[in-house]
Structures are given as C-alpha cells and as structure tokens.
C-alpha cells in the first residue's frame, strides 16, 4: 500500500480513536504542542499519552471540517513575474 502525499502540516492524532483532534494544523511539531496546550490547557494535554503529533496526509481530509491546509513550497511571489 502506498502512502498518500503529505501536506507538510502536523496535527494531534488520537491513537485510541484513530482520528485527528481539535482541527489543529500547524507547520511544525512545536507549534502543534503550543496550539493544543493553549486550547485544552497544559495539565490536561500532558495527561493524555494517547495524543501524539502526526503528519497530515491527503487521505486525512475527511477528518477536518474546514479542509486541509498545505504548506507553501518555495518562495513563489505572484508580483514578481
């Protein structure tokens, strides 16, 4: 089985329910930790060992209500033609 293409974003994966939690999509792992801590509180977050940071792939789109975000690749600027 081949993997779905990565979006370049990370989210919180629940290993018990096999779903992404809170709709958080960030560009790096540190920002995911920060976003979850801000959303649910640091004490609650670190008491949940079944919440892990995981890369978001294209086939995870149905788990996100607002759709997938994609990391910008390169420094393309529409003003510089």
C-alpha atoms as a PDB file:
ATOM      1  CA  UNK A   1       0.000   0.000   0.000  1.00  0.00           C
ATOM      2  CA  UNK A   2       1.417   3.385  -0.979  1.00  0.00           C
ATOM      3  CA  UNK A   3       1.173   6.378   1.293  1.00  0.00           C
ATOM      4  CA  UNK A   4      -0.958   9.363   0.426  1.00  0.00           C
ATOM      5  CA  UNK A   5       1.020  12.559  -0.325  1.00  0.00           C
ATOM      6  CA  UNK A   6       1.912  14.642   2.714  1.00  0.00           C
ATOM      7  CA  UNK A   7       0.547  18.162   3.106  1.00  0.00           C
ATOM      8  CA  UNK A   8       3.568  19.402   5.078  1.00  0.00           C
ATOM      9  CA  UNK A   9       1.380  20.060   8.124  1.00  0.00           C
ATOM     10  CA  UNK A  10       1.105  18.334  11.507  1.00  0.00           C
ATOM     11  CA  UNK A  11      -1.800  17.710  13.857  1.00  0.00           C
ATOM     12  CA  UNK A  12      -2.768  15.883  17.074  1.00  0.00           C
ATOM     13  CA  UNK A  13      -3.593  12.217  16.439  1.00  0.00           C
ATOM     14  CA  UNK A  14      -5.602  10.199  18.944  1.00  0.00           C
ATOM     15  CA  UNK A  15      -4.205   6.646  18.923  1.00  0.00           C
ATOM     16  CA  UNK A  16      -7.351   5.233  20.561  1.00  0.00           C
ATOM     17  CA  UNK A  17      -9.965   6.605  18.140  1.00  0.00           C
ATOM     18  CA  UNK A  18      -7.597   6.866  15.128  1.00  0.00           C
ATOM     19  CA  UNK A  19      -8.662  10.439  14.347  1.00  0.00           C
ATOM     20  CA  UNK A  20      -7.158  13.911  14.389  1.00  0.00           C
ATOM     21  CA  UNK A  21      -8.257  16.062  17.325  1.00  0.00           C
ATOM     22  CA  UNK A  22      -9.254  19.746  17.578  1.00  0.00           C
ATOM     23  CA  UNK A  23      -8.760  20.559  13.864  1.00  0.00           C
ATOM     24  CA  UNK A  24      -5.253  21.841  14.551  1.00  0.00           C
ATOM     25  CA  UNK A  25      -2.955  22.063  11.518  1.00  0.00           C
ATOM     26  CA  UNK A  26       0.484  23.601  12.025  1.00  0.00           C
ATOM     27  CA  UNK A  27       3.728  23.747  10.040  1.00  0.00           C
ATOM     28  CA  UNK A  28       5.923  22.123  12.677  1.00  0.00           C
ATOM     29  CA  UNK A  29       5.649  19.858  15.705  1.00  0.00           C
ATOM     30  CA  UNK A  30       6.444  22.546  18.278  1.00  0.00           C
ATOM     31  CA  UNK A  31       3.557  24.742  17.098  1.00  0.00           C
ATOM     32  CA  UNK A  32       1.187  21.772  17.430  1.00  0.00           C
ATOM     33  CA  UNK A  33       2.206  21.304  21.077  1.00  0.00           C
ATOM     34  CA  UNK A  34       1.702  25.021  21.702  1.00  0.00           C
ATOM     35  CA  UNK A  35      -1.706  25.117  19.977  1.00  0.00           C
ATOM     36  CA  UNK A  36      -3.024  22.116  21.933  1.00  0.00           C
ATOM     37  CA  UNK A  37      -1.733  23.486  25.226  1.00  0.00           C
ATOM     38  CA  UNK A  38      -3.473  26.793  24.515  1.00  0.00           C
ATOM     39  CA  UNK A  39      -6.704  25.084  23.505  1.00  0.00           C
ATOM     40  CA  UNK A  40      -7.159  22.498  26.299  1.00  0.00           C
ATOM     41  CA  UNK A  41      -4.591  23.524  28.891  1.00  0.00           C
ATOM     42  CA  UNK A  42      -1.133  22.182  29.581  1.00  0.00           C
ATOM     43  CA  UNK A  43      -2.125  19.944  32.504  1.00  0.00           C
ATOM     44  CA  UNK A  44      -4.790  18.119  30.512  1.00  0.00           C
ATOM     45  CA  UNK A  45      -2.599  17.780  27.404  1.00  0.00           C
ATOM     46  CA  UNK A  46       0.304  16.092  29.185  1.00  0.00           C
ATOM     47  CA  UNK A  47      -2.024  13.661  30.972  1.00  0.00           C
ATOM     48  CA  UNK A  48      -3.188  12.217  27.654  1.00  0.00           C
ATOM     49  CA  UNK A  49      -0.447   9.850  26.436  1.00  0.00           C
ATOM     50  CA  UNK A  50      -2.647   8.669  23.564  1.00  0.00           C
ATOM     51  CA  UNK A  51      -2.445  12.108  21.878  1.00  0.00           C
ATOM     52  CA  UNK A  52       0.595  12.230  19.577  1.00  0.00           C
ATOM     53  CA  UNK A  53       1.819  14.625  16.891  1.00  0.00           C
ATOM     54  CA  UNK A  54       1.446  13.120  13.418  1.00  0.00           C
ATOM     55  CA  UNK A  55       1.995  14.322   9.851  1.00  0.00           C
ATOM     56  CA  UNK A  56      -1.231  15.064   7.997  1.00  0.00           C
ATOM     57  CA  UNK A  57      -1.692  13.338   4.647  1.00  0.00           C
ATOM     58  CA  UNK A  58      -4.135  13.937   1.792  1.00  0.00           C
ATOM     59  CA  UNK A  59      -6.325  10.964   2.768  1.00  0.00           C
ATOM     60  CA  UNK A  60      -6.976  12.559   6.191  1.00  0.00           C
ATOM     61  CA  UNK A  61      -9.074  15.342   4.603  1.00  0.00           C
ATOM     62  CA  UNK A  62     -12.455  13.975   5.814  1.00  0.00           C
ATOM     63  CA  UNK A  63     -11.292  14.396   9.428  1.00  0.00           C
ATOM     64  CA  UNK A  64     -11.018  18.192   9.084  1.00  0.00           C
ATOM     65  CA  UNK A  65     -14.196  20.258   8.921  1.00  0.00           C
ATOM     66  CA  UNK A  66     -12.502  23.256   7.270  1.00  0.00           C
ATOM     67  CA  UNK A  67     -10.447  21.168   4.815  1.00  0.00           C
ATOM     68  CA  UNK A  68      -6.727  20.690   4.630  1.00  0.00           C
ATOM     69  CA  UNK A  69      -4.122  23.415   4.757  1.00  0.00           C
ATOM     70  CA  UNK A  70      -0.995  22.925   2.698  1.00  0.00           C
ATOM     71  CA  UNK A  71       2.493  24.135   3.470  1.00  0.00           C
ATOM     72  CA  UNK A  72       3.776  26.570   0.866  1.00  0.00           C
ATOM     73  CA  UNK A  73       6.713  25.174  -1.036  1.00  0.00           C
ATOM     74  CA  UNK A  74       9.286  27.589  -2.359  1.00  0.00           C
ATOM     75  CA  UNK A  75       9.271  31.360  -2.342  1.00  0.00           C
ATOM     76  CA  UNK A  76       6.960  31.996  -5.311  1.00  0.00           C
ATOM     77  CA  UNK A  77       5.630  35.536  -5.412  1.00  0.00           C
ATOM     78  CA  UNK A  78       2.868  36.478  -7.851  1.00  0.00           C
ATOM     79  CA  UNK A  79       4.081  40.107  -8.035  1.00  0.00           C
ATOM     80  CA  UNK A  80       7.470  39.125  -9.466  1.00  0.00           C
ATOM     81  CA  UNK A  81       6.720  37.865 -12.958  1.00  0.00           C
END
